[in-house]
Each structure stands twice: as C-alpha cells, then as structure tokens.
Amino acid sequence: MRFDPEQEELRRTVRTLLERAAGGDVWRLLAEQVGALGLAVPEEYGGAGFSVLETHVVLEELGAALAAPGFLSTTLAAQAILAGDSAAPDVELAAKAELLPRIACGRTRATVVWGGAVGTPGEATVAASAEISAGTPGSGGGWRLTGAGEHVLDAGDSDLFVVRARVPGHGEAGRQPAATGLFVVAAADAAVDVVETVDPGRPQARVEFEHSPATLLSTQAPWDRILDLACVALSAEQVGAAQRAFDLTLAYAKQRVQFGRPIGSFQAVKHRLADMFALLESARSASYAAAFAAASGHELTVAASRAKAYCSEAFSTIAGEAIQLHGGIGITWEHPIHLYFKRAHVTSQLFGSPAWHRSRYARAVGIAA
C-alpha cells in the first residue's frame, strides 16, 4: 500500500507550488501547471485518465496548507457526473462531454448538493418535476427542481451544481416508486445564500431551487459510491491537515522555553507528542487503505466509513492537543494552529458524523445489532 514514484513526484510538485503561491493563484496553477482538477477525469472528457490515488495525493497537500477550498467539492462533483447512468444515454454523454472538460481545465467550479444538511447523507430534500409540454422526462429537457440544500460546500463560488433530488414515479398510472436522481443545474438558476461557519476557509451556503431548470443525468446514480468517494477524499485532507498541525506543534515544543529549557524536553510533553504521532500514522493508514480501495473497488464502503470515522476523530484529537501544547497563542490570530482546530471539527461532521459511519461500517461488515 504505497504510492509509486510518479505519485510522490506529484506530491512534491504540489507542495512546492503551495509554498510559492497563495490565494487565487493556487487554483490557477493547479489547473494550468499541474492539471490537478482533471487527474481522475477520463481522457475522452479532457482529463488525464488517472485514478483517485493521484487526486488523493493532491488533497493531502491541500489539506496541510488549508488551500484551494473549492478543489474538494469540484473533484467530487466531477466524480458524481461520471457516475451518472441515464435512461437517455445521448443526453448523459452530451452533458458529460460539455461539463467535464471545463471542470478538468479549471474553468468551471462545481459542487454537490446532497439535499438537507451536508453532514446528513439521508433522504434528498430537493424534488424534481417533469414538464411534459417542454420535453419528455429523461430526455434532458423539461425537468425542474424545487427544494433546498443546507450547508453546501463552496456554493458561493460554484458555477454548477450537481444535485441529488427525488424523481417521482412516472410509469403506468404513476405506480412506480420515487427514485433518487442525479441532476445538474447552472448556478445562475439557483438562489445562493452564504452562511457563516466556524471555519472561514471552508465556505458553505444554502442553495435554494424554485422551479429551476435542470438536466437529468441518472435516476439510478450510485449514491453510496459517491458518498464513499467523498469520505475517502475528505480523509486525505484530514490526514494532511493533521500532519501539519503535528509539525507545527513539534516545532513549537522545541522553541518554547519554560523554566530555562524547551518544553519539548519535558517527559510529559514527549509522551503527548508521541501519542499524537501514533494517532496520525494510524489515521494515515486508514486513509491510504480507503484510497486504494477506491482505486480497486474492493470493499470500498467498509474502507471509506472506517477512514471517515477514524480520521475525523484522530484529526480532532490531534488538533485539540496542538492547541493545548501551544498554550495561549494557540487561540489567537497570530498563530495558524487554531485554523486546524476549526477545520478538524467542521470536517468531522461533513458527509456523516463518526458515529454515523461507525454504524454504517458495522452494517457493512455484518456486525450491526
């Protein structure tokens, strides 16, 4: 379970880029010089045709730098679009051919509207309706969405929404049960209300659809797999950020002098740092196992939920210890460690809480009560 030399070179390239660039330049350079947004997009849609492993490497470095917040949401939106399997394949292929190349080159930013709260992968709260006069349901025309998604990642900067919505049965006498559909909606056709969160580097917004025109990609999209990929990607960010929080704390313990000696020389501090490191490496193993499971397709749900639960709690613990060992400066704007503490607690709730994923893991391995 190791990354190959090319993937490690990609890691070094992204790390160097992040050391030299900041703000909006990061997004542009990731797209233009690295091609990072198209790594996991097939070549026929303008991407590089690699796997999610390469994206995992990039996300780990972005998590460490708390940079390019829209990268996670855009790459997940691309994977959701790729997962579409429509009853109208011509429409689906045309939509992919139009949307994915723009995402791969960085011209289009996108995000997934799961429906409801972003941390609650339950029932969709957006409903779809078909206007027969405007087009045949499933033909890509005539669909409208009504409803709202809460706490949608990076919605304020997105050009495109990939939406999970309920599709009513439209079979004989309307007796078919409702399905969960995959739609794409232009940001201009939705109302976006940015909400304030504890983490300023992870923008969120409420997205409301009011009879918004939409293109149907699939009525049977594999939402469990899309959720799995979201958890795997987020675990990469969490491990990268936890590593940076540990590195900052270790450096501070060597520099901060108390009672005439560095605080890192005290046995109690050494023990706490050792515990943080052991927790970090365990989280890294869980995240990497999930990434390789995503690439192979073997027991992905088990690996993804295990990584989401473990990495979330490990990151929160490491960030909390980092604040404690930094002392008073750790909760001031003069030092960045508090940003990692905030990121830890926000990301632990994204795509399902650790408790929710422990239950999902237990069901997946057959040990649920």
Protein backbone atom coordinates (compact mmCIF):
# COMPACT_ATOMS: atom_id res chain seq x y z
CA MET A 1 0.00 0.00 0.00
CA ARG A 2 2.48 2.57 -1.23
CA PHE A 3 2.29 5.41 -3.70
CA ASP A 4 4.54 4.97 -6.72
CA PRO A 5 7.43 7.34 -7.61
CA GLU A 6 5.29 9.34 -10.06
CA GLN A 7 2.64 9.94 -7.41
CA GLU A 8 5.29 11.01 -4.91
CA GLU A 9 6.70 13.40 -7.50
CA LEU A 10 3.21 14.84 -7.90
CA ARG A 11 3.13 15.33 -4.14
CA ARG A 12 6.42 17.25 -4.20
CA THR A 13 5.23 19.38 -7.11
CA VAL A 14 2.02 20.39 -5.35
CA ARG A 15 3.88 21.07 -2.10
CA THR A 16 6.36 23.35 -3.89
CA LEU A 17 3.52 25.16 -5.65
CA LEU A 18 1.76 25.77 -2.32
CA GLU A 19 4.95 27.15 -0.78
CA ARG A 20 5.27 29.72 -3.57
CA ALA A 21 1.65 30.66 -4.33
CA ALA A 22 -1.33 31.86 -2.34
CA GLY A 23 -4.98 32.77 -2.78
CA GLY A 24 -6.50 32.57 -6.24
CA ASP A 25 -3.14 31.79 -7.83
CA VAL A 26 -3.25 28.32 -6.27
CA TRP A 27 -6.38 27.34 -8.21
CA ARG A 28 -4.98 28.70 -11.48
CA LEU A 29 -1.61 26.99 -11.07
CA LEU A 30 -3.17 23.70 -10.02
CA ALA A 31 -5.25 23.77 -13.19
CA GLU A 32 -2.69 25.15 -15.64
CA GLN A 33 0.62 23.72 -14.46
CA VAL A 34 -0.38 20.53 -12.66
CA GLY A 35 -3.67 19.62 -14.32
CA ALA A 36 -4.84 18.55 -10.87
CA LEU A 37 -8.57 19.03 -11.48
CA GLY A 38 -8.54 16.57 -14.35
CA LEU A 39 -6.39 13.85 -12.81
CA ALA A 40 -9.30 11.43 -12.24
CA VAL A 41 -11.29 12.52 -15.32
CA PRO A 42 -11.07 10.15 -18.35
CA GLU A 43 -9.07 11.33 -21.33
CA GLU A 44 -12.15 11.34 -23.59
CA TYR A 45 -13.56 14.11 -21.39
CA GLY A 46 -10.44 16.24 -21.32
CA GLY A 47 -8.79 14.75 -18.25
CA ALA A 48 -5.56 12.89 -17.60
CA GLY A 49 -7.19 9.50 -17.15
CA PHE A 50 -5.55 8.63 -13.83
CA SER A 51 -7.24 7.19 -10.75
CA VAL A 52 -8.42 8.71 -7.48
CA LEU A 53 -4.99 7.93 -5.99
CA GLU A 54 -3.44 10.94 -7.73
CA THR A 55 -6.26 13.16 -6.51
CA HIS A 56 -5.73 11.76 -3.01
CA VAL A 57 -2.11 12.91 -3.06
CA VAL A 58 -3.13 16.42 -4.10
CA LEU A 59 -5.87 16.63 -1.45
CA GLU A 60 -3.46 15.61 1.29
CA GLU A 61 -1.16 18.51 0.41
CA LEU A 62 -4.05 20.96 0.08
CA GLY A 63 -5.32 19.86 3.49
CA ALA A 64 -1.92 20.56 5.02
CA ALA A 65 -1.90 24.08 3.59
CA LEU A 66 -5.64 24.69 4.13
CA ALA A 67 -5.61 25.85 0.50
CA ALA A 68 -7.90 25.81 -2.56
CA PRO A 69 -11.14 25.03 -0.71
CA GLY A 70 -13.08 24.51 -3.94
CA PHE A 71 -10.85 21.66 -5.09
CA LEU A 72 -12.55 19.02 -2.93
CA SER A 73 -16.07 19.97 -3.96
CA THR A 74 -15.22 20.31 -7.66
CA THR A 75 -13.45 16.96 -7.91
CA LEU A 76 -16.34 15.27 -6.09
CA ALA A 77 -18.82 16.89 -8.47
CA ALA A 78 -16.82 15.53 -11.41
CA GLN A 79 -16.93 12.02 -9.94
CA ALA A 80 -20.68 12.32 -9.40
CA ILE A 81 -21.20 13.37 -13.02
CA LEU A 82 -19.08 10.43 -14.17
CA ALA A 83 -21.24 8.10 -12.08
CA GLY A 84 -24.39 9.07 -13.99
CA ASP A 85 -26.11 6.22 -15.86
CA SER A 86 -29.10 7.67 -17.65
CA ALA A 87 -32.03 6.07 -19.36
CA ALA A 88 -31.28 8.64 -22.09
CA PRO A 89 -27.58 7.94 -22.80
CA ASP A 90 -27.34 10.51 -25.59
CA VAL A 91 -28.30 13.27 -23.17
CA GLU A 92 -25.95 11.95 -20.49
CA LEU A 93 -22.98 11.67 -22.85
CA ALA A 94 -23.64 15.13 -24.25
CA ALA A 95 -23.78 16.59 -20.74
CA LYS A 96 -20.55 14.86 -19.73
CA ALA A 97 -18.81 15.98 -22.92
CA GLU A 98 -19.89 19.56 -22.23
CA LEU A 99 -19.28 19.77 -18.49
CA LEU A 100 -16.29 17.59 -17.66
CA PRO A 101 -13.70 19.23 -19.95
CA ARG A 102 -14.48 22.61 -18.38
CA ILE A 103 -14.09 21.14 -14.90
CA ALA A 104 -10.87 19.34 -15.84
CA CYS A 105 -9.20 22.53 -17.07
CA GLY A 106 -10.37 24.61 -14.12
CA ARG A 107 -12.78 26.89 -15.96
CA THR A 108 -15.84 25.54 -14.13
CA ARG A 109 -16.16 25.16 -10.39
CA ALA A 110 -18.81 22.75 -9.19
CA THR A 111 -20.20 21.23 -6.02
CA VAL A 112 -22.62 18.52 -4.95
CA VAL A 113 -25.94 19.43 -3.34
CA TRP A 114 -26.72 16.35 -1.30
CA GLY A 115 -30.06 17.63 -0.03
CA GLY A 116 -30.60 18.54 3.60
CA ALA A 117 -27.54 19.22 5.73
CA VAL A 118 -24.18 18.39 4.18
CA GLY A 119 -23.39 16.25 7.19
CA THR A 120 -26.56 14.17 6.84
CA PRO A 121 -26.44 11.68 3.98
CA GLY A 122 -30.13 10.84 4.38
CA GLU A 123 -33.14 11.49 2.18
CA ALA A 124 -32.91 14.11 -0.53
CA THR A 125 -34.82 17.31 0.25
CA VAL A 126 -34.93 18.55 -3.35
CA ALA A 127 -37.75 17.28 -5.55
CA ALA A 128 -37.85 17.04 -9.34
CA SER A 129 -40.86 17.54 -11.56
CA ALA A 130 -41.28 16.97 -15.29
CA GLU A 131 -42.99 19.36 -17.66
CA ILE A 132 -44.29 17.11 -20.40
CA SER A 133 -45.01 20.03 -22.69
CA ALA A 134 -41.37 21.12 -22.57
CA GLY A 135 -39.85 17.73 -23.23
CA THR A 136 -40.04 14.06 -22.48
CA PRO A 137 -38.96 13.10 -18.95
CA GLY A 138 -35.48 11.67 -19.13
CA SER A 139 -34.67 13.42 -22.41
CA GLY A 140 -32.66 16.12 -20.68
CA GLY A 141 -35.33 18.78 -21.11
CA GLY A 142 -38.43 19.62 -19.17
CA TRP A 143 -37.09 18.93 -15.69
CA ARG A 144 -37.44 21.41 -12.83
CA LEU A 145 -36.11 21.24 -9.28
CA THR A 146 -37.71 22.65 -6.16
CA GLY A 147 -36.23 22.49 -2.68
CA ALA A 148 -33.10 23.47 -0.81
CA GLY A 149 -29.75 22.10 0.27
CA GLU A 150 -28.21 23.29 3.52
CA HIS A 151 -24.51 23.89 4.13
CA VAL A 152 -23.42 23.19 0.56
CA LEU A 153 -19.65 23.34 0.24
CA ASP A 154 -18.22 26.21 -1.82
CA ALA A 155 -21.64 27.00 -3.30
CA GLY A 156 -20.94 30.72 -3.36
CA ASP A 157 -18.06 30.27 -5.82
CA SER A 158 -19.55 27.44 -7.87
CA ASP A 159 -20.72 27.71 -11.46
CA LEU A 160 -22.53 24.39 -11.46
CA PHE A 161 -24.50 22.28 -9.00
CA VAL A 162 -24.76 18.50 -9.12
CA VAL A 163 -28.00 17.84 -7.27
CA ARG A 164 -29.45 14.80 -5.55
CA ALA A 165 -33.20 15.01 -5.95
CA ARG A 166 -36.29 12.85 -5.64
CA VAL A 167 -37.76 11.83 -9.00
CA PRO A 168 -41.43 10.84 -8.87
CA GLY A 169 -42.54 7.58 -10.48
CA HIS A 170 -43.76 8.22 -13.98
CA GLY A 171 -44.66 4.72 -15.07
CA GLU A 172 -48.09 3.28 -15.68
CA ALA A 173 -50.65 5.10 -13.55
CA GLY A 174 -47.76 6.64 -11.66
CA ARG A 175 -47.35 3.47 -9.60
CA GLN A 176 -43.54 3.35 -9.84
CA PRO A 177 -41.85 4.42 -6.61
CA ALA A 178 -39.88 7.64 -6.47
CA ALA A 179 -36.19 7.34 -7.33
CA THR A 180 -33.20 9.44 -6.33
CA GLY A 181 -31.95 11.25 -9.39
CA LEU A 182 -28.74 12.96 -10.38
CA PHE A 183 -29.25 16.40 -11.94
CA VAL A 184 -27.05 19.28 -12.99
CA VAL A 185 -28.18 22.87 -12.53
CA ALA A 186 -26.44 26.09 -13.53
CA ALA A 187 -25.63 28.30 -10.54
CA ALA A 188 -27.46 31.18 -12.24
CA ASP A 189 -30.71 29.21 -11.89
CA ALA A 190 -30.48 28.83 -8.10
CA ALA A 191 -30.53 31.19 -5.13
CA VAL A 192 -27.34 31.00 -3.07
CA ASP A 193 -27.21 32.39 0.46
CA VAL A 194 -23.73 32.17 2.00
CA VAL A 195 -23.78 31.12 5.66
CA GLU A 196 -21.18 31.87 8.31
CA THR A 197 -19.41 28.87 9.82
CA VAL A 198 -16.71 28.36 12.42
CA ASP A 199 -14.17 27.57 9.68
CA PRO A 200 -13.56 30.61 7.44
CA GLY A 201 -11.53 28.52 5.00
CA ARG A 202 -14.37 26.13 4.20
CA PRO A 203 -17.14 28.30 2.69
CA GLN A 204 -20.69 26.97 2.85
CA ALA A 205 -24.04 28.23 1.66
CA ARG A 206 -27.74 27.44 1.48
CA VAL A 207 -28.80 26.67 -2.09
CA GLU A 208 -32.47 27.03 -2.96
CA PHE A 209 -34.15 25.82 -6.12
CA GLU A 210 -37.50 27.24 -7.16
CA HIS A 211 -38.71 25.52 -10.29
CA SER A 212 -35.11 25.67 -11.52
CA PRO A 213 -34.36 24.15 -14.95
CA ALA A 214 -32.21 21.04 -14.68
CA THR A 215 -30.66 18.29 -16.78
CA LEU A 216 -31.28 14.72 -15.63
CA LEU A 217 -28.19 12.52 -15.80
CA SER A 218 -29.47 9.47 -13.98
CA THR A 219 -32.36 8.10 -11.94
CA GLN A 220 -30.18 5.32 -10.53
CA ALA A 221 -26.91 7.03 -9.70
CA PRO A 222 -24.78 5.03 -7.23
CA TRP A 223 -25.07 7.50 -4.38
CA ASP A 224 -23.45 5.12 -1.91
CA ARG A 225 -20.33 5.04 -4.09
CA ILE A 226 -20.39 8.84 -4.47
CA LEU A 227 -20.60 9.15 -0.67
CA ASP A 228 -17.75 6.66 -0.30
CA LEU A 229 -15.55 8.70 -2.66
CA ALA A 230 -16.42 11.87 -0.72
CA CYS A 231 -15.33 10.25 2.55
CA VAL A 232 -12.08 8.96 1.03
CA ALA A 233 -11.24 12.38 -0.40
CA LEU A 234 -12.04 14.14 2.86
CA SER A 235 -9.85 11.71 4.81
CA ALA A 236 -6.91 12.78 2.63
CA GLU A 237 -7.48 16.42 3.60
CA GLN A 238 -7.80 15.45 7.26
CA VAL A 239 -4.55 13.48 7.29
CA GLY A 240 -2.68 16.29 5.54
CA ALA A 241 -4.02 18.87 7.98
CA ALA A 242 -3.32 16.63 11.00
CA GLN A 243 0.28 16.19 9.80
CA ARG A 244 0.75 19.96 9.54
CA ALA A 245 -0.82 20.50 12.99
CA PHE A 246 1.60 17.96 14.44
CA ASP A 247 4.59 19.50 12.65
CA LEU A 248 3.70 22.97 13.95
CA THR A 249 3.33 21.63 17.48
CA LEU A 250 6.61 19.71 17.37
CA ALA A 251 8.46 22.81 16.14
CA TYR A 252 6.86 24.96 18.85
CA ALA A 253 7.81 22.43 21.56
CA LYS A 254 11.45 22.78 20.50
CA GLN A 255 11.35 26.58 20.52
CA ARG A 256 9.17 27.44 23.52
CA VAL A 257 11.32 27.77 26.64
CA GLN A 258 9.87 27.26 30.12
CA PHE A 259 11.88 27.03 33.36
CA GLY A 260 15.03 27.53 31.32
CA ARG A 261 14.55 24.64 28.88
CA PRO A 262 12.44 23.84 25.79
CA ILE A 263 9.07 22.42 26.75
CA GLY A 264 9.70 19.54 24.34
CA SER A 265 12.38 18.25 26.71
CA PHE A 266 9.83 17.50 29.44
CA GLN A 267 8.81 13.86 29.60
CA ALA A 268 5.09 14.59 29.81
CA VAL A 269 5.22 16.67 26.63
CA LYS A 270 7.23 13.96 24.88
CA HIS A 271 4.54 11.42 25.75
CA ARG A 272 1.80 13.63 24.37
CA LEU A 273 3.71 14.24 21.15
CA ALA A 274 4.36 10.50 20.79
CA ASP A 275 0.65 9.78 21.23
CA MET A 276 -0.21 12.40 18.60
CA PHE A 277 2.27 10.85 16.15
CA ALA A 278 0.94 7.32 16.69
CA LEU A 279 -2.62 8.55 16.12
CA LEU A 280 -1.54 10.42 12.98
CA GLU A 281 0.13 7.38 11.45
CA SER A 282 -2.87 5.18 12.21
CA ALA A 283 -5.15 7.71 10.52
CA ARG A 284 -2.81 7.84 7.52
CA SER A 285 -3.01 4.05 7.19
CA ALA A 286 -6.83 4.15 7.28
CA SER A 287 -6.94 6.92 4.69
CA TYR A 288 -4.49 5.23 2.34
CA ALA A 289 -6.33 1.91 2.66
CA ALA A 290 -9.53 3.71 1.64
CA ALA A 291 -7.80 5.36 -1.31
CA PHE A 292 -6.51 2.04 -2.64
CA ALA A 293 -9.95 0.50 -2.08
CA ALA A 294 -11.46 3.31 -4.15
CA ALA A 295 -8.97 2.63 -6.94
CA SER A 296 -9.63 -1.12 -6.90
CA GLY A 297 -13.31 -1.10 -5.99
CA HIS A 298 -12.72 -3.76 -3.33
CA GLU A 299 -14.76 -3.31 -0.11
CA LEU A 300 -14.95 0.44 -0.68
CA THR A 301 -17.82 1.13 1.74
CA VAL A 302 -16.03 -0.67 4.58
CA ALA A 303 -12.78 1.22 3.96
CA ALA A 304 -14.45 4.60 3.36
CA SER A 305 -16.60 4.60 6.50
CA ARG A 306 -13.68 3.30 8.58
CA ALA A 307 -11.45 6.09 7.27
CA LYS A 308 -14.10 8.78 7.77
CA ALA A 309 -14.79 7.80 11.37
CA TYR A 310 -11.16 7.23 12.38
CA CYS A 311 -9.57 10.18 10.56
CA SER A 312 -12.25 12.58 11.81
CA GLU A 313 -11.68 11.67 15.44
CA ALA A 314 -7.91 11.44 15.07
CA PHE A 315 -7.70 14.90 13.49
CA SER A 316 -9.93 16.39 16.19
CA THR A 317 -7.79 14.84 18.93
CA ILE A 318 -4.51 15.94 17.35
CA ALA A 319 -5.79 19.48 16.79
CA GLY A 320 -7.05 19.68 20.37
CA GLU A 321 -3.69 18.51 21.73
CA ALA A 322 -1.95 21.02 19.46
CA ILE A 323 -3.99 23.86 20.97
CA GLN A 324 -3.16 22.67 24.49
CA LEU A 325 0.58 22.41 23.82
CA HIS A 326 0.70 25.82 22.15
CA GLY A 327 -0.91 27.44 25.16
CA GLY A 328 -2.46 30.90 24.90
CA ILE A 329 -1.04 31.75 21.48
CA GLY A 330 -2.90 28.77 20.04
CA ILE A 331 -6.23 30.56 20.23
CA THR A 332 -5.07 33.88 18.76
CA TRP A 333 -4.91 35.07 15.15
CA GLU A 334 -1.14 35.42 15.50
CA HIS A 335 -0.71 31.67 15.08
CA PRO A 336 -2.42 29.43 12.48
CA ILE A 337 -2.93 26.39 14.71
CA HIS A 338 -6.46 27.45 15.65
CA LEU A 339 -7.43 27.18 11.97
CA TYR A 340 -6.58 23.48 12.05
CA PHE A 341 -8.66 23.05 15.20
CA LYS A 342 -11.65 24.64 13.45
CA ARG A 343 -11.10 22.59 10.30
CA ALA A 344 -10.99 19.40 12.35
CA HIS A 345 -14.35 19.97 13.95
CA VAL A 346 -16.06 21.07 10.74
CA THR A 347 -14.77 18.19 8.65
CA SER A 348 -15.73 15.62 11.29
CA GLN A 349 -19.39 16.37 10.52
CA LEU A 350 -19.14 16.51 6.72
CA PHE A 351 -20.63 13.57 4.81
CA GLY A 352 -21.78 11.94 8.03
CA SER A 353 -20.55 12.07 11.62
CA PRO A 354 -18.07 9.50 13.00
CA ALA A 355 -20.91 7.81 14.91
CA TRP A 356 -22.99 7.54 11.71
CA HIS A 357 -20.08 5.99 9.85
CA ARG A 358 -19.31 3.54 12.65
CA SER A 359 -22.87 2.27 12.34
CA ARG A 360 -22.52 2.11 8.54
CA TYR A 361 -19.25 0.21 8.91
CA ALA A 362 -20.84 -2.24 11.33
CA ARG A 363 -23.65 -2.95 8.86
CA ALA A 364 -21.18 -3.36 6.01
CA VAL A 365 -19.12 -6.00 7.84
CA GLY A 366 -22.17 -7.72 9.30
CA ILE A 367 -21.73 -6.93 12.99
CA ALA A 368 -24.59 -4.46 13.41
CA ALA A 369 -27.07 -5.29 16.14
